[in-house]
Amino acid sequence: MASGNNVTRMSPRQRMINLMYIVLTAMLALNVSSDVLNGFNQVHDGLVRTNETMAAKNEIQYVYLQELYQKNPTKVGPWLEKGTYLRNYSTSLLNEIDSLKLAIAQKADGKKGDPENLVNLDDLEAAGVVMLNPSTNSGRHLKEQIDQYRVSVAELITDPQKRDAVLTMLSTQVKDKQQVGATETWEEQMFDNMPAVAAVTMLSKLQSDIREAESEALTNLITNVDIGDVRVNELNPYVIPNSNMVMRGGRYVADIVLAAIDTTQRPAIFVDGNKIENGHLELIASSVGNHAYSGYIEVARGDGSIDRRPFSSSYTVMEPMATISPTMMNVLYAGIDNPVSISVPGVAMNAVEASMTNGSLVRNGDSWVARPGQIGQDAVISVFASMDGNRQQVGSMTFRVRQLPDPAPFIPIKDAQGNLVNYKGTPKKISKQQLMEAESIGAAIDDGILNVSFTVESFSTIFYDSMGNAIPEVSDGNRFSSRQKEQFRRLKPGARFFISNVKAKGPDGISRVIYPLEVSLN
C-alpha cells in the first residue's frame, strides 16, 4: 500500500481512479449473489408448504372442538369460545402479514407483483419502504401486534415448557449487536436493507410460528375439555348394559346401579317385580326386535325410611352381522400393511372368512392385514361366516385407497441419558455437541396413527453468515457431507439453520420432496 507521501504525489486523475476502485469494491461487497437469493427462495417454498400443512391441522382441531361442543354445549362452551377467539385472532394477524408480503412484492416488481413469484429478488429498497416508512410505521405496528398475540396465546397454554417455547418462538426482543453503536429496533433488524425475497421469507417464517403457537393452544383447549368427565348433583338410578344390541340367540347383560350410593349399604333392586342380586341383570334374547323392562331401586335413608327410585330401559335384538373396521384409519394406504379388525358377533373366528378387491387380504391370528393395490381405486372387503353348516355373506365395506402422506424429517440425536431420540426442529433446541455427533437425517410418519419409515435420498442445508447471507450446502445421500460438518463446527450458540429440499422415498416406492426442518442450537 502506498505511503502518505506517495498519495500526495499522485495526480488528481490517479486519486479519482483509486477512489472509484474503492467505491466499486464496496458495491460488489453489498451485492447479493444469485445462490443466496435462490437459497431464500427454497426456504420460502418450504415454509409455504409447512404453513399449508399447519393450517389444515389447526382446522381439524377446531372442527373437533366444535364437534365436542355439539355433544356437550354447557361443558365445552367456554373452551369453544376461547378457540373461536384464537382462530379469529390468528387469521386476522396472518392476513395482515399476507398484505405486507404483497406490498413488498408490488414495491419490488410493480402492481402485478406476487410474493410467491418474486422477480426482483435482490431489491434492497422494497422491504424498507413498506416496513420502515415513518408515515405508516408498518414494521412497528406488526411488532406490537405480535407482542399482543404472544401474550394472548400464551395464556391459553397451561404446560410451562410449551408456553415458554411459544414465548421464545414469538419473541421480538432485539438481539445485542456486536459492533459499537445504537441498538436497532426489531423492525430495523428484520427489514432494513434486506433483499425483497429475504423479507418475504422472514414474514412467512413468522406466519409459521403463529400457526405453531395456534396449534399448541388448540391442543391445550381440547385437552382441557375432558368430554368423558361426568358430574352429577342428583341421586338417580342408572342402567348400564354391556350392549343395547343383541343377536338372536345371544344374551342381554346389564348392570343396574344407584349413583353416589353408600358403599356400606347396598340398595335393593327389582326388575319386573323380581329382586336382582348385586344389580346384575341377565336376560335371554329369544326374539328379534325391541324389548323394554322397568323396575325400581330401594335405599334406606338416614332416618330409617325407604327411598324408592324407579327406572326403565330397553334393548334391541338383531340378526347376526359382520363388523369391519380399520385398526389405524378409515382409509387404506398403498405400499404398506394395513391392520384390519374383522369379527362376526356370536361366530368363532375360525368360522369367519374374508376377501378383498384391488389388493390382498391375509389373516394374521385373530386380525387381518390388507395390502391394497392401485391408488385411487376403491377396495371392497367382503366377510363370510359359517353358521349351522351354511356359508353366507354377512357384511362388506368399501375403503378408499390413498397414497401415503408426506413424512416429517428429523435428526437422530442422543439425549442426556444416551438414548437415541428424533429431533424435529424448533421450537425445541439441541446442543452443538449433539449436532456434531449426528451423522445423518431420517424421515418418518409417526403421528400416533401411522408408523412408517422413509428413506432419505438427499437434502440441503442453508446457513447464514454474519451479513445474513444464506450459504447452501448439499448432503451426501442421507448423511451430512464434510462441508456441512465444517459449517456445523463454525456455528455459534443460539445459531439457526435450515434443512430443505429433503427428498424421501417411502415403502410405496414414491419419492417426494418434503417440508424443511429448522434447527436451533442452545
Protein backbone atom coordinates (compact mmCIF):
# COMPACT_ATOMS: atom_id res chain seq x y z
CA MET A 1 0.00 0.00 0.00
CA ALA A 2 1.32 3.49 -0.82
CA SER A 3 2.53 5.71 1.99
CA GLY A 4 1.08 9.13 2.78
CA ASN A 5 3.90 10.90 0.85
CA ASN A 6 3.16 8.80 -2.23
CA VAL A 7 -0.51 9.81 -2.04
CA THR A 8 0.39 13.48 -2.00
CA ARG A 9 2.49 12.93 -5.13
CA MET A 10 -0.45 11.27 -7.01
CA SER A 11 -2.12 13.21 -9.80
CA PRO A 12 -5.80 14.21 -9.35
CA ARG A 13 -6.73 11.68 -12.06
CA GLN A 14 -4.96 8.81 -10.24
CA ARG A 15 -6.61 9.76 -6.97
CA MET A 16 -10.02 9.68 -8.69
CA ILE A 17 -9.30 6.24 -10.17
CA ASN A 18 -8.32 4.89 -6.72
CA LEU A 19 -11.48 6.35 -5.16
CA MET A 20 -13.68 4.78 -7.85
CA TYR A 21 -11.99 1.40 -7.23
CA ILE A 22 -12.81 1.64 -3.51
CA VAL A 23 -16.45 2.52 -4.29
CA LEU A 24 -16.74 -0.38 -6.79
CA THR A 25 -15.30 -2.82 -4.25
CA ALA A 26 -17.86 -1.68 -1.69
CA MET A 27 -20.68 -2.11 -4.20
CA LEU A 28 -19.53 -5.62 -5.05
CA ALA A 29 -19.44 -6.46 -1.34
CA LEU A 30 -23.04 -5.29 -0.99
CA ASN A 31 -24.25 -7.24 -3.99
CA VAL A 32 -26.27 -10.33 -3.11
CA SER A 33 -25.32 -13.44 -5.08
CA SER A 34 -27.89 -15.46 -7.04
CA ASP A 35 -27.08 -18.57 -4.95
CA VAL A 36 -28.08 -16.74 -1.78
CA LEU A 37 -31.30 -15.48 -3.35
CA ASN A 38 -32.16 -18.97 -4.62
CA GLY A 39 -31.48 -20.28 -1.12
CA PHE A 40 -34.05 -17.86 0.28
CA ASN A 41 -36.49 -18.98 -2.42
CA GLN A 42 -36.06 -22.63 -1.40
CA VAL A 43 -36.61 -21.84 2.25
CA HIS A 44 -39.67 -19.74 1.42
CA ASP A 45 -41.21 -22.54 -0.67
CA GLY A 46 -40.68 -24.95 2.20
CA LEU A 47 -42.27 -22.53 4.64
CA VAL A 48 -45.30 -22.12 2.38
CA ARG A 49 -45.83 -25.89 2.36
CA THR A 50 -45.37 -26.04 6.13
CA ASN A 51 -47.92 -23.25 6.61
CA GLU A 52 -50.44 -25.09 4.45
CA THR A 53 -49.95 -28.28 6.48
CA MET A 54 -50.24 -26.46 9.81
CA ALA A 55 -53.35 -24.58 8.62
CA ALA A 56 -55.03 -27.89 7.73
CA LYS A 57 -54.04 -29.40 11.09
CA ASN A 58 -55.39 -26.40 13.02
CA GLU A 59 -58.64 -26.51 11.05
CA ILE A 60 -59.09 -30.19 12.00
CA GLN A 61 -58.51 -29.36 15.67
CA TYR A 62 -61.02 -26.51 15.57
CA VAL A 63 -63.66 -28.67 13.85
CA TYR A 64 -63.10 -31.36 16.50
CA LEU A 65 -63.66 -28.74 19.22
CA GLN A 66 -66.94 -27.81 17.52
CA GLU A 67 -67.97 -31.49 17.47
CA LEU A 68 -67.30 -31.73 21.20
CA TYR A 69 -69.48 -28.66 21.67
CA GLN A 70 -72.34 -30.35 19.83
CA LYS A 71 -72.11 -33.25 22.30
CA ASN A 72 -71.98 -31.11 25.43
CA PRO A 73 -72.63 -27.35 24.85
CA THR A 74 -72.64 -26.47 28.54
CA LYS A 75 -69.30 -28.07 29.30
CA VAL A 76 -67.49 -27.26 26.07
CA GLY A 77 -68.95 -23.78 25.50
CA PRO A 78 -66.22 -21.79 27.34
CA TRP A 79 -63.45 -23.72 25.57
CA LEU A 80 -65.04 -23.30 22.13
CA GLU A 81 -65.39 -19.57 22.81
CA LYS A 82 -61.66 -19.35 23.53
CA GLY A 83 -60.87 -21.47 20.47
CA THR A 84 -63.02 -19.24 18.23
CA TYR A 85 -61.33 -16.13 19.61
CA LEU A 86 -57.89 -17.68 18.99
CA ARG A 87 -58.84 -18.73 15.46
CA ASN A 88 -60.16 -15.29 14.51
CA TYR A 89 -57.19 -13.54 16.16
CA SER A 90 -54.68 -15.78 14.33
CA THR A 91 -56.47 -15.39 10.99
CA SER A 92 -56.51 -11.59 11.33
CA LEU A 93 -52.78 -11.45 12.10
CA LEU A 94 -51.91 -13.89 9.30
CA ASN A 95 -53.95 -11.85 6.81
CA GLU A 96 -52.15 -8.69 7.95
CA ILE A 97 -48.78 -10.35 7.26
CA ASP A 98 -50.04 -11.53 3.84
CA SER A 99 -50.91 -7.92 2.98
CA LEU A 100 -47.38 -6.82 3.98
CA LYS A 101 -45.81 -9.54 1.83
CA LEU A 102 -47.96 -8.43 -1.10
CA ALA A 103 -46.98 -4.77 -0.55
CA ILE A 104 -43.26 -5.68 -0.60
CA ALA A 105 -43.70 -7.76 -3.77
CA GLN A 106 -45.58 -4.95 -5.51
CA LYS A 107 -42.96 -2.42 -4.45
CA ALA A 108 -40.21 -4.64 -5.88
CA ASP A 109 -41.99 -5.89 -9.06
CA GLY A 110 -44.81 -3.39 -9.69
CA LYS A 111 -48.58 -3.64 -9.35
CA LYS A 112 -48.61 -7.24 -10.58
CA GLY A 113 -46.02 -8.32 -8.01
CA ASP A 114 -46.66 -11.69 -6.36
CA PRO A 115 -44.84 -12.67 -3.12
CA GLU A 116 -44.93 -16.31 -4.24
CA ASN A 117 -43.21 -15.48 -7.54
CA LEU A 118 -40.84 -12.58 -6.94
CA VAL A 119 -38.87 -11.32 -9.93
CA ASN A 120 -36.53 -8.72 -8.39
CA LEU A 121 -35.33 -10.94 -5.61
CA ASP A 122 -32.43 -8.69 -4.71
CA ASP A 123 -34.40 -5.43 -4.40
CA LEU A 124 -32.91 -3.81 -1.28
CA GLU A 125 -35.40 -0.97 -1.00
CA ALA A 126 -38.86 -2.58 -1.15
CA ALA A 127 -38.85 -4.05 2.38
CA GLY A 128 -37.56 -0.84 3.96
CA VAL A 129 -40.05 1.38 2.11
CA VAL A 130 -43.01 -0.78 3.16
CA MET A 131 -42.00 -1.69 6.70
CA LEU A 132 -39.94 1.32 7.87
CA ASN A 133 -41.92 4.16 6.33
CA PRO A 134 -42.42 6.72 9.18
CA SER A 135 -45.80 7.72 7.76
CA THR A 136 -47.24 4.19 8.13
CA ASN A 137 -44.96 2.56 10.73
CA SER A 138 -45.98 -0.86 9.37
CA GLY A 139 -42.97 -2.61 10.94
CA ARG A 140 -43.55 -1.15 14.39
CA HIS A 141 -47.28 -1.86 14.15
CA LEU A 142 -46.54 -5.50 13.22
CA LYS A 143 -44.19 -5.84 16.21
CA GLU A 144 -46.90 -4.52 18.54
CA GLN A 145 -49.42 -6.97 17.09
CA ILE A 146 -47.02 -9.88 17.57
CA ASP A 147 -46.33 -8.83 21.17
CA GLN A 148 -50.06 -8.71 21.92
CA TYR A 149 -50.70 -12.03 20.19
CA ARG A 150 -47.81 -13.68 22.05
CA VAL A 151 -49.29 -12.72 25.43
CA SER A 152 -52.82 -13.79 24.42
CA VAL A 153 -51.85 -17.19 23.05
CA ALA A 154 -49.53 -17.94 26.00
CA GLU A 155 -52.48 -17.53 28.37
CA LEU A 156 -54.21 -20.43 26.61
CA ILE A 157 -51.29 -22.87 27.17
CA THR A 158 -51.02 -24.40 30.65
CA ASP A 159 -47.91 -26.53 30.12
CA PRO A 160 -44.98 -24.35 31.34
CA GLN A 161 -42.44 -25.79 28.92
CA LYS A 162 -44.69 -25.44 25.87
CA ARG A 163 -45.72 -21.95 26.97
CA ASP A 164 -42.07 -20.88 27.34
CA ALA A 165 -41.28 -22.37 23.92
CA VAL A 166 -44.08 -20.35 22.31
CA LEU A 167 -42.98 -17.16 24.12
CA THR A 168 -39.44 -17.66 22.84
CA MET A 169 -40.61 -18.52 19.33
CA LEU A 170 -42.69 -15.32 19.05
CA SER A 171 -40.21 -13.08 20.86
CA THR A 172 -39.49 -9.68 19.29
CA GLN A 173 -36.62 -8.89 21.63
CA VAL A 174 -33.77 -7.15 19.84
CA LYS A 175 -30.54 -9.14 19.87
CA ASP A 176 -27.45 -7.32 21.13
CA LYS A 177 -25.29 -6.00 18.30
CA GLN A 178 -21.67 -6.98 18.22
CA GLN A 179 -20.46 -3.65 16.86
CA VAL A 180 -20.42 -0.37 18.77
CA GLY A 181 -23.40 1.86 18.09
CA ALA A 182 -27.05 2.42 18.81
CA THR A 183 -29.22 -0.68 19.16
CA GLU A 184 -31.53 -1.23 16.19
CA THR A 185 -35.24 -1.81 16.63
CA TRP A 186 -36.77 -5.19 15.84
CA GLU A 187 -38.25 -3.94 12.60
CA GLU A 188 -34.92 -2.41 11.53
CA GLN A 189 -33.08 -5.67 12.14
CA MET A 190 -35.75 -7.55 10.18
CA PHE A 191 -36.24 -5.29 7.16
CA ASP A 192 -33.57 -2.57 6.88
CA ASN A 193 -31.50 -3.01 3.69
CA MET A 194 -32.93 -6.53 3.32
CA PRO A 195 -33.47 -8.17 -0.11
CA ALA A 196 -37.15 -8.48 -1.01
CA VAL A 197 -37.01 -12.30 -1.10
CA ALA A 198 -35.40 -12.39 2.38
CA ALA A 199 -38.05 -10.07 3.84
CA VAL A 200 -40.89 -12.16 2.37
CA THR A 201 -39.23 -15.36 3.65
CA MET A 202 -38.92 -13.97 7.18
CA LEU A 203 -42.57 -12.91 7.14
CA SER A 204 -43.53 -16.45 6.02
CA LYS A 205 -41.40 -17.83 8.89
CA LEU A 206 -43.33 -15.55 11.26
CA GLN A 207 -46.59 -16.95 9.88
CA SER A 208 -45.26 -20.47 10.51
CA ASP A 209 -44.50 -19.56 14.14
CA ILE A 210 -48.03 -18.16 14.55
CA ARG A 211 -49.54 -21.38 13.13
CA GLU A 212 -47.40 -23.46 15.52
CA ALA A 213 -48.45 -21.34 18.51
CA GLU A 214 -52.10 -21.60 17.47
CA SER A 215 -51.77 -25.40 17.22
CA GLU A 216 -50.29 -25.66 20.73
CA ALA A 217 -53.10 -23.52 22.15
CA LEU A 218 -55.85 -25.50 20.37
CA THR A 219 -54.34 -28.78 21.58
CA ASN A 220 -54.38 -27.44 25.15
CA LEU A 221 -58.02 -26.33 24.84
CA ILE A 222 -59.12 -29.74 23.57
CA THR A 223 -57.21 -31.46 26.39
CA ASN A 224 -58.94 -29.29 28.98
CA VAL A 225 -62.41 -30.15 27.71
CA ASP A 226 -62.29 -33.73 29.07
CA ILE A 227 -65.59 -34.68 27.48
CA GLY A 228 -65.56 -38.03 29.32
CA ASP A 229 -65.81 -36.38 32.75
CA VAL A 230 -69.30 -36.73 34.22
CA ARG A 231 -70.51 -34.75 37.25
CA VAL A 232 -73.86 -35.21 38.93
CA ASN A 233 -75.79 -33.21 41.50
CA GLU A 234 -78.77 -35.56 41.89
CA LEU A 235 -79.38 -39.05 43.19
CA ASN A 236 -80.63 -41.11 40.21
CA PRO A 237 -80.61 -44.76 39.16
CA TYR A 238 -78.67 -45.85 36.05
CA VAL A 239 -78.90 -48.94 33.83
CA ILE A 240 -75.52 -49.88 32.32
CA PRO A 241 -75.84 -52.60 29.67
CA ASN A 242 -72.87 -54.30 28.06
CA SER A 243 -74.61 -53.55 24.76
CA ASN A 244 -78.07 -52.45 23.66
CA MET A 245 -77.70 -54.55 20.52
CA VAL A 246 -78.01 -58.32 20.92
CA MET A 247 -78.08 -61.01 18.21
CA ARG A 248 -80.81 -63.57 18.21
CA GLY A 249 -79.70 -66.47 20.40
CA GLY A 250 -77.30 -64.28 22.44
CA ARG A 251 -77.66 -62.77 25.93
CA TYR A 252 -78.51 -59.25 27.06
CA VAL A 253 -76.33 -58.31 30.06
CA ALA A 254 -76.61 -55.08 32.09
CA ASP A 255 -75.58 -53.68 35.48
CA ILE A 256 -78.11 -51.57 37.41
CA VAL A 257 -76.62 -49.21 39.98
CA LEU A 258 -77.55 -46.15 42.01
CA ALA A 259 -75.11 -43.29 41.61
CA ALA A 260 -73.41 -41.89 44.75
CA ILE A 261 -74.62 -44.68 46.97
CA ASP A 262 -73.16 -45.52 50.40
CA THR A 263 -70.75 -48.47 49.89
CA THR A 264 -71.56 -49.74 53.41
CA GLN A 265 -75.24 -50.18 52.49
CA ARG A 266 -76.26 -51.89 49.25
CA PRO A 267 -79.62 -50.90 47.69
CA ALA A 268 -82.35 -53.42 46.83
CA ILE A 269 -83.04 -53.66 43.07
CA PHE A 270 -86.25 -55.04 41.49
CA VAL A 271 -86.93 -55.69 37.77
CA ASP A 272 -90.49 -56.58 36.69
CA GLY A 273 -91.24 -57.49 40.33
CA ASN A 274 -88.21 -59.78 40.78
CA LYS A 275 -85.28 -58.86 43.04
CA ILE A 276 -81.87 -58.69 41.29
CA GLU A 277 -78.84 -59.76 43.29
CA ASN A 278 -75.85 -57.34 43.22
CA GLY A 279 -77.51 -55.31 40.47
CA HIS A 280 -76.56 -57.81 37.75
CA LEU A 281 -79.31 -58.37 35.15
CA GLU A 282 -79.18 -61.15 32.56
CA LEU A 283 -81.97 -61.85 30.04
CA ILE A 284 -82.25 -64.37 27.18
CA ALA A 285 -82.62 -62.68 23.76
CA SER A 286 -85.13 -65.07 22.27
CA SER A 287 -86.68 -62.95 19.51
CA VAL A 288 -85.68 -60.12 17.17
CA GLY A 289 -86.89 -56.60 17.97
CA ASN A 290 -87.01 -54.02 20.76
CA HIS A 291 -87.59 -55.23 24.35
CA ALA A 292 -88.37 -52.90 27.26
CA TYR A 293 -88.27 -53.50 31.00
CA SER A 294 -88.67 -51.41 34.16
CA GLY A 295 -88.13 -51.62 37.90
CA TYR A 296 -87.10 -49.64 40.95
CA ILE A 297 -84.28 -49.28 43.44
CA GLU A 298 -84.87 -49.05 47.20
CA VAL A 299 -82.33 -47.46 49.54
CA ALA A 300 -82.62 -46.71 53.24
CA ARG A 301 -82.46 -43.07 54.37
CA GLY A 302 -80.63 -41.92 57.47
CA ASP A 303 -83.90 -41.73 59.42
CA GLY A 304 -84.78 -45.34 58.61
CA SER A 305 -87.35 -44.61 55.87
CA ILE A 306 -87.08 -46.13 52.40
CA ASP A 307 -86.39 -44.07 49.27
CA ARG A 308 -87.70 -45.72 46.09
CA ARG A 309 -86.28 -44.63 42.68
CA PRO A 310 -87.95 -46.04 39.52
CA PHE A 311 -86.08 -46.74 36.29
CA SER A 312 -86.73 -48.13 32.82
CA SER A 313 -84.63 -49.20 29.85
CA SER A 314 -84.73 -51.29 26.70
CA TYR A 315 -82.56 -53.39 24.41
CA THR A 316 -82.70 -54.42 20.76
CA VAL A 317 -82.22 -57.93 19.43
CA MET A 318 -80.94 -58.16 15.84
CA GLU A 319 -79.87 -60.77 13.33
CA PRO A 320 -76.13 -61.64 13.10
CA MET A 321 -74.00 -59.15 11.17
CA ALA A 322 -70.31 -58.51 10.50
CA THR A 323 -68.21 -55.67 11.89
CA ILE A 324 -65.34 -54.44 9.72
CA SER A 325 -63.16 -51.59 10.96
CA PRO A 326 -59.64 -50.45 10.06
CA THR A 327 -57.31 -50.58 13.03
CA MET A 328 -55.29 -47.46 12.11
CA MET A 329 -57.54 -45.26 9.94
CA ASN A 330 -60.70 -45.05 7.88
CA VAL A 331 -58.78 -45.46 4.61
CA LEU A 332 -56.23 -47.94 3.33
CA TYR A 333 -52.76 -46.74 2.30
CA ALA A 334 -50.93 -48.23 -0.65
CA GLY A 335 -47.47 -49.69 -0.15
CA ILE A 336 -47.88 -50.76 3.50
CA ASP A 337 -49.65 -53.43 5.55
CA ASN A 338 -52.94 -52.06 6.92
CA PRO A 339 -54.16 -53.94 10.03
CA VAL A 340 -57.92 -54.55 9.83
CA SER A 341 -60.19 -55.99 12.51
CA ILE A 342 -62.94 -58.31 11.24
CA SER A 343 -65.39 -60.08 13.54
CA VAL A 344 -68.89 -61.52 13.47
CA PRO A 345 -70.61 -61.39 16.88
CA GLY A 346 -71.57 -64.85 18.06
CA VAL A 347 -69.40 -66.61 15.46
CA ALA A 348 -66.00 -68.15 16.23
CA MET A 349 -63.03 -66.56 14.45
CA ASN A 350 -62.14 -69.83 12.69
CA ALA A 351 -65.59 -69.78 11.07
CA VAL A 352 -65.09 -66.30 9.58
CA GLU A 353 -63.64 -65.73 6.10
CA ALA A 354 -62.92 -62.51 4.19
CA SER A 355 -61.74 -61.35 0.77
CA MET A 356 -60.80 -58.01 -0.79
CA THR A 357 -60.87 -56.44 -4.24
CA ASN A 358 -57.98 -54.26 -5.51
CA GLY A 359 -55.37 -55.94 -3.31
CA SER A 360 -54.78 -58.81 -0.93
CA LEU A 361 -56.23 -59.65 2.49
CA VAL A 362 -54.35 -62.10 4.73
CA ARG A 363 -55.35 -63.45 8.14
CA ASN A 364 -52.82 -62.79 10.93
CA GLY A 365 -54.00 -64.61 14.05
CA ASP A 366 -57.32 -63.05 15.09
CA SER A 367 -56.73 -59.98 12.92
CA TRP A 368 -56.22 -59.32 9.22
CA VAL A 369 -53.70 -57.44 7.08
CA ALA A 370 -54.90 -55.60 3.99
CA ARG A 371 -52.43 -54.55 1.30
CA PRO A 372 -54.26 -52.54 -1.39
CA GLY A 373 -53.15 -52.27 -4.99
CA GLN A 374 -53.94 -49.33 -7.24
CA ILE A 375 -54.13 -45.85 -5.68
CA GLY A 376 -57.41 -44.02 -6.26
CA GLN A 377 -59.41 -47.22 -6.85
CA ASP A 378 -61.70 -48.37 -4.03
CA ALA A 379 -61.13 -51.69 -2.25
CA VAL A 380 -64.12 -53.72 -1.05
CA ILE A 381 -63.75 -56.16 1.86
CA SER A 382 -66.44 -58.86 1.99
CA VAL A 383 -67.00 -61.07 5.04
CA PHE A 384 -68.46 -64.59 5.11
CA ALA A 385 -69.40 -66.72 8.11
CA SER A 386 -70.18 -70.41 8.53
CA MET A 387 -73.24 -70.76 10.78
CA ASP A 388 -75.04 -74.04 11.34
CA GLY A 389 -73.15 -75.58 8.43
CA ASN A 390 -74.10 -72.84 5.96
CA ARG A 391 -71.68 -70.30 4.49
CA GLN A 392 -73.23 -66.88 3.95
CA GLN A 393 -72.07 -63.31 3.37
CA VAL A 394 -72.71 -61.24 6.47
CA GLY A 395 -71.26 -57.87 5.51
CA SER A 396 -68.99 -55.78 3.31
CA MET A 397 -67.31 -52.38 3.44
CA THR A 398 -65.74 -50.12 0.84
CA PHE A 399 -62.39 -48.45 1.58
CA ARG A 400 -60.65 -45.64 -0.29
CA VAL A 401 -57.06 -46.38 -1.30
CA ARG A 402 -54.76 -43.43 -0.84
CA GLN A 403 -51.07 -42.60 -1.24
CA LEU A 404 -49.07 -42.32 1.98
CA PRO A 405 -48.91 -38.74 3.32
CA ASP A 406 -45.59 -36.91 3.41
CA PRO A 407 -43.30 -37.84 6.32
CA ALA A 408 -41.62 -35.45 8.74
CA PRO A 409 -37.82 -35.02 8.63
CA PHE A 410 -35.77 -35.46 11.82
CA ILE A 411 -32.19 -35.72 13.08
CA PRO A 412 -31.39 -38.80 15.22
CA ILE A 413 -29.53 -37.50 18.30
CA LYS A 414 -28.71 -38.80 21.78
CA ASP A 415 -30.36 -37.25 24.85
CA ALA A 416 -28.73 -36.69 28.23
CA GLN A 417 -29.24 -40.37 29.14
CA GLY A 418 -27.64 -41.57 25.91
CA ASN A 419 -30.94 -42.69 24.39
CA LEU A 420 -31.49 -42.18 20.67
CA VAL A 421 -34.30 -39.66 20.05
CA ASN A 422 -35.62 -37.90 16.95
CA TYR A 423 -35.11 -34.13 16.90
CA LYS A 424 -37.83 -32.50 14.77
CA GLY A 425 -36.71 -28.88 14.94
CA THR A 426 -37.92 -25.68 16.53
CA PRO A 427 -39.24 -24.62 18.97
CA LYS A 428 -37.04 -27.24 20.64
CA LYS A 429 -33.29 -26.74 20.65
CA ILE A 430 -30.26 -29.05 20.73
CA SER A 431 -26.67 -28.62 21.78
CA LYS A 432 -23.84 -28.19 19.32
CA GLN A 433 -22.29 -31.43 20.61
CA GLN A 434 -25.49 -33.35 19.79
CA LEU A 435 -25.45 -31.86 16.30
CA MET A 436 -21.78 -32.72 15.73
CA GLU A 437 -22.38 -36.33 16.81
CA ALA A 438 -25.28 -36.73 14.36
CA GLU A 439 -24.33 -38.43 11.10
CA SER A 440 -27.50 -38.24 9.02
CA ILE A 441 -31.17 -37.32 8.89
CA GLY A 442 -34.24 -39.52 8.62
CA ALA A 443 -37.92 -39.17 7.75
CA ALA A 444 -40.97 -40.98 9.05
CA ILE A 445 -44.70 -40.75 9.63
CA ASP A 446 -45.11 -41.20 13.40
CA ASP A 447 -48.24 -39.20 14.18
CA GLY A 448 -49.72 -41.79 16.57
CA ILE A 449 -51.81 -43.37 13.81
CA LEU A 450 -49.25 -44.42 11.24
CA ASN A 451 -45.71 -45.56 11.97
CA VAL A 452 -43.92 -45.68 8.60
CA SER A 453 -40.23 -45.10 7.94
CA PHE A 454 -38.97 -43.42 4.76
CA THR A 455 -35.53 -43.46 3.12
CA VAL A 456 -33.90 -40.05 2.74
CA GLU A 457 -32.16 -39.81 -0.63
CA SER A 458 -30.77 -36.24 -0.47
CA PHE A 459 -31.15 -32.87 1.24
CA SER A 460 -29.57 -29.43 1.51
CA THR A 461 -28.60 -27.24 4.45
CA ILE A 462 -28.87 -23.45 4.44
CA PHE A 463 -26.66 -21.48 6.81
CA TYR A 464 -26.42 -17.72 7.33
CA ASP A 465 -23.21 -15.74 7.69
CA SER A 466 -22.73 -12.60 9.79
CA MET A 467 -24.13 -10.47 6.93
CA GLY A 468 -27.34 -12.51 6.78
CA ASN A 469 -26.34 -14.20 3.53
CA ALA A 470 -27.56 -17.77 3.03
CA ILE A 471 -24.95 -20.48 2.38
CA PRO A 472 -26.47 -23.66 0.87
CA GLU A 473 -24.63 -27.00 1.10
CA VAL A 474 -25.61 -30.37 -0.42
CA SER A 475 -25.67 -33.64 1.52
CA ASP A 476 -24.01 -36.96 0.79
CA GLY A 477 -27.18 -39.01 0.35
CA ASN A 478 -28.90 -39.13 3.74
CA ARG A 479 -25.64 -38.28 5.51
CA PHE A 480 -24.16 -34.91 6.31
CA SER A 481 -21.36 -34.05 3.89
CA SER A 482 -17.93 -32.91 5.03
CA ARG A 483 -18.76 -29.33 4.00
CA GLN A 484 -21.93 -29.43 6.08
CA LYS A 485 -19.97 -30.78 9.04
CA GLU A 486 -17.50 -27.95 8.64
CA GLN A 487 -20.34 -25.44 8.76
CA PHE A 488 -21.59 -27.13 11.96
CA ARG A 489 -18.23 -26.53 13.61
CA ARG A 490 -18.48 -22.83 12.81
CA LEU A 491 -21.93 -22.37 14.36
CA LYS A 492 -22.17 -20.26 17.49
CA PRO A 493 -24.55 -20.75 20.45
CA GLY A 494 -28.10 -19.72 19.57
CA ALA A 495 -27.49 -20.15 15.82
CA ARG A 496 -30.16 -21.47 13.47
CA PHE A 497 -30.08 -23.09 10.05
CA PHE A 498 -32.48 -24.89 7.73
CA ILE A 499 -32.51 -28.38 6.23
CA SER A 500 -34.51 -28.14 3.00
CA ASN A 501 -35.05 -29.93 -0.32
CA VAL A 502 -35.38 -33.19 1.63
CA LYS A 503 -36.10 -35.96 -0.89
CA ALA A 504 -37.50 -39.13 0.70
CA LYS A 505 -38.79 -42.44 -0.68
CA GLY A 506 -41.50 -44.43 1.13
CA PRO A 507 -42.34 -48.14 1.13
CA ASP A 508 -44.74 -47.39 -1.73
CA GLY A 509 -41.68 -46.62 -3.90
CA ILE A 510 -42.69 -42.98 -4.46
CA SER A 511 -40.05 -40.28 -4.00
CA ARG A 512 -41.19 -36.89 -2.78
CA VAL A 513 -39.75 -33.60 -1.57
CA ILE A 514 -40.99 -32.91 1.97
CA TYR A 515 -41.13 -29.73 4.05
CA PRO A 516 -37.93 -28.37 5.62
CA LEU A 517 -36.55 -28.66 9.15
CA GLU A 518 -35.37 -25.67 11.16
CA VAL A 519 -32.53 -26.48 13.59
CA SER A 520 -31.87 -24.26 16.63
CA LEU A 521 -28.85 -24.55 18.91
CA ASN A 522 -28.85 -23.86 22.64
